[in-house]
Amino acid sequence: MPNATLTPPSGAVVTGGSPAGTNPAGGRPARRRRRFERNRPLWMLLPGGILMLLIIVVPLIVAVVMSTLDLDQYTLQSWLQAPFIGLGNYVEAVTASPLMRSIGISVSFAVIAAVVTMPIGIAAALATQNRFRGRALVRSLFLIPYVLPAFVVGTLWRTMLQPGGVVDSLLGAVGVHSGLWLNGPLSYWSLIIVQIWTSWPFFYLLVLAGLQSVDHEVHEAAAIDGATWWIKLRYVVLPYLRGPVLLALIIAFLHNINAFTLPFVLFGVPAPQDVEVLPVLTYMTSFQSFRFGLSAAMAICSLVLIAIPLFVYLKAVKLDSGEEEQR
């Protein structure tokens, strides 16, 4: 019997017993199309992956290669043909350079600045949480130190801390006579003071955002129970702020230990030994001593140093929680 064309009640045309639009080969294009749509999110990550490869992975590989070469101003032009010395730069960086002293200065500076700015930011956030006249203006003024570029902050404080400058004049008016702020032992504390001044609004912003998560009903229940402000702060507010404060501490530490612009502008180059932080030492080794291989080894050491608190940060935000669940 020849194939007949049937018109079912739905209006679909069927030829030879096969509905129109179906693939005799088993629907392979349809399955391929569904597979492509299912993998589409991976294709959307491709631009960011390429950018990360060019900006992070490739420079990191170049830095690792440079750290194994005896690279200086004489071999820089053909750096791939520079003498290979293996771990020689790392051994020299640890034993014969001020790297360990700079690591101690950077870590202590980063810890002190982060810990001191924490209560300042919390107090400022608590002071501006409730509505009052002029609150928007006060919040804007609090953000000024944070929004100023580090170059501007360094130049401003360098002028103020000069001998006979504004700081010396103010201290002299109350009978305090200090030494040199930009050289000697006081330079270390000058760097900490300036870093605290410019970074405490970061804690202020994160704590202020964390205060918005405190349930209003909890405040009402505490007020009905007659709790004082200290009891509410200790048992109601601070438990909600534990996460934001921890993240702020870790991020502030990472930011402080990577600070280059502020000490570079504030003290110049060569910097005093008391403020020779790790980024400044790496810069001086590269562009003052022209020991590019040694400076690359110092940069890799600083990367390892930063990876420790960075791992704590990743655990804190639970970015690897999915991997732990799979295990």
Foldseek 3Di string as FASTA:
>chain_A
DDWDWDQDPVRFIDTRNHTPPDDPVHCPVVVVVVVCVVCVVVVVCVVVVVVCCVPPVVVLVVLVQLLQFQFFPVCPVVVVPGHGRGCPLVVCCVPPHCLVVQAVLLQVLLQVLLVVLQVVLLVLLVVLLDDDPCSVVSLVVLCVLQPDDLLVLLVVVLQQQQVVHVVQVVCVVVPDHDDRCQADPNVSVSLSVSSNSNPSVVSNVLLNVLQVPQDVVVVVVCVVVVHDPVCCVVPGRVVSCPLSSVLSSLVSSLCSLPDDSNQCSNRNPPGYSSNCHLVNVLVCVCPVVRRSNSSSSSVVVVVVVSVVSVVVNCVSVVPVVVVVVVD
